[in-house]
Amino acid sequence: VLKPKGIIAIRVPSLKRIFERYLGINVNEYSHKIDGKQAAKMLYGSQENEYNYHRAGFDKEYLVKLLQEVNVTVFEVWDDNCNLFVKGRKNG
């Protein structure tokens, strides 16, 4: 349970960036095009053990909306080559 004024930091696969890389959109020397196997691993986790599974996918707008619905004010959002990072504070 996140207490009022508590901070939450989330890192999830970025649906947008993974799809872009799979389709070859907005790629460069730091984020090259990926094939289907690489995209699936990024989307669903490597599944090498019982804890390495992704059960949901998010883009920035959807994740921020979900956090706002549970009374969290998002104050930082960024992505890298395949991850989405969000930080927020529980209101109250």
Protein backbone atom coordinates (compact mmCIF):
# COMPACT_ATOMS: atom_id res chain seq x y z
CA VAL A 1 0.00 0.00 0.00
CA LEU A 2 1.34 3.40 -0.97
CA LYS A 3 0.89 5.87 1.87
CA PRO A 4 -0.24 9.47 1.22
CA LYS A 5 2.68 11.52 -0.15
CA GLY A 6 4.55 8.27 -0.85
CA ILE A 7 6.60 8.00 -4.04
CA ILE A 8 6.10 5.29 -6.64
CA ALA A 9 8.64 4.51 -9.37
CA ILE A 10 7.63 2.19 -12.18
CA ARG A 11 9.59 0.69 -15.06
CA VAL A 12 7.69 -1.32 -17.67
CA PRO A 13 8.23 -2.27 -21.30
CA SER A 14 7.34 0.67 -23.54
CA LEU A 15 4.82 -0.62 -26.07
CA LYS A 16 5.44 2.41 -28.29
CA ARG A 17 9.23 2.08 -28.39
CA ILE A 18 9.16 -1.71 -28.86
CA PHE A 19 6.67 -1.42 -31.74
CA GLU A 20 8.69 1.40 -33.31
CA ARG A 21 11.88 -0.64 -33.15
CA TYR A 22 10.13 -3.72 -34.54
CA LEU A 23 8.72 -1.67 -37.44
CA GLY A 24 12.00 0.20 -37.97
CA ILE A 25 10.54 3.61 -37.03
CA ASN A 26 12.71 6.19 -35.21
CA VAL A 27 15.71 3.85 -34.98
CA ASN A 28 19.30 5.02 -34.73
CA GLU A 29 22.70 3.75 -33.64
CA TYR A 30 21.44 3.48 -30.04
CA SER A 31 18.09 1.82 -30.77
CA HIS A 32 18.36 -0.46 -33.79
CA LYS A 33 15.54 -2.36 -35.53
CA ILE A 34 14.59 -5.59 -33.74
CA ASP A 35 13.10 -8.84 -35.01
CA GLY A 36 9.99 -10.65 -33.78
CA LYS A 37 11.88 -12.81 -31.29
CA GLN A 38 13.50 -9.77 -29.68
CA ALA A 39 10.20 -7.86 -29.61
CA ALA A 40 8.40 -10.79 -27.97
CA LYS A 41 11.11 -11.09 -25.31
CA MET A 42 10.84 -7.37 -24.54
CA LEU A 43 7.03 -7.47 -24.45
CA TYR A 44 6.53 -10.70 -22.47
CA GLY A 45 9.79 -11.02 -20.53
CA SER A 46 12.44 -13.63 -21.15
CA GLN A 47 10.37 -16.14 -19.12
CA GLU A 48 13.57 -17.77 -17.85
CA ASN A 49 12.09 -18.11 -14.37
CA GLU A 50 8.72 -17.73 -12.67
CA TYR A 51 9.28 -14.02 -11.97
CA ASN A 52 10.41 -12.92 -15.43
CA TYR A 53 7.02 -12.45 -17.13
CA HIS A 54 5.25 -9.30 -18.22
CA ARG A 55 1.51 -9.63 -17.76
CA ALA A 56 0.42 -6.25 -19.12
CA GLY A 57 1.56 -3.65 -21.61
CA PHE A 58 1.50 0.13 -21.33
CA ASP A 59 2.15 3.28 -23.22
CA LYS A 60 2.74 6.60 -21.49
CA GLU A 61 -0.83 7.87 -21.73
CA TYR A 62 -2.42 4.66 -20.46
CA LEU A 63 -0.05 4.24 -17.49
CA VAL A 64 -0.40 7.89 -16.43
CA LYS A 65 -4.21 7.59 -16.67
CA LEU A 66 -4.20 4.48 -14.47
CA LEU A 67 -2.06 6.20 -11.85
CA GLN A 68 -4.26 9.30 -11.86
CA GLU A 69 -7.31 7.07 -11.28
CA VAL A 70 -5.75 5.85 -8.01
CA ASN A 71 -4.91 9.39 -6.85
CA VAL A 72 -1.25 9.50 -7.89
CA THR A 73 0.21 12.69 -9.37
CA VAL A 74 2.80 11.80 -11.99
CA PHE A 75 5.79 14.15 -11.94
CA GLU A 76 8.29 12.41 -14.20
CA VAL A 77 7.93 10.26 -17.35
CA TRP A 78 10.60 9.14 -19.80
CA ASP A 79 11.53 6.23 -21.98
CA ASP A 80 14.72 4.74 -23.29
CA ASN A 81 15.21 2.24 -26.08
CA CYS A 82 12.51 -0.14 -24.82
CA ASN A 83 11.43 0.84 -21.29
CA LEU A 84 8.94 3.35 -19.93
CA PHE A 85 9.75 5.00 -16.60
CA VAL A 86 7.18 6.82 -14.46
CA LYS A 87 7.48 8.48 -11.06
CA GLY A 88 4.56 9.79 -9.07
CA ARG A 89 3.39 10.82 -5.61
CA LYS A 90 0.26 9.59 -3.83
CA ASN A 91 -2.03 12.53 -3.08
CA GLY A 92 -3.33 13.10 0.42
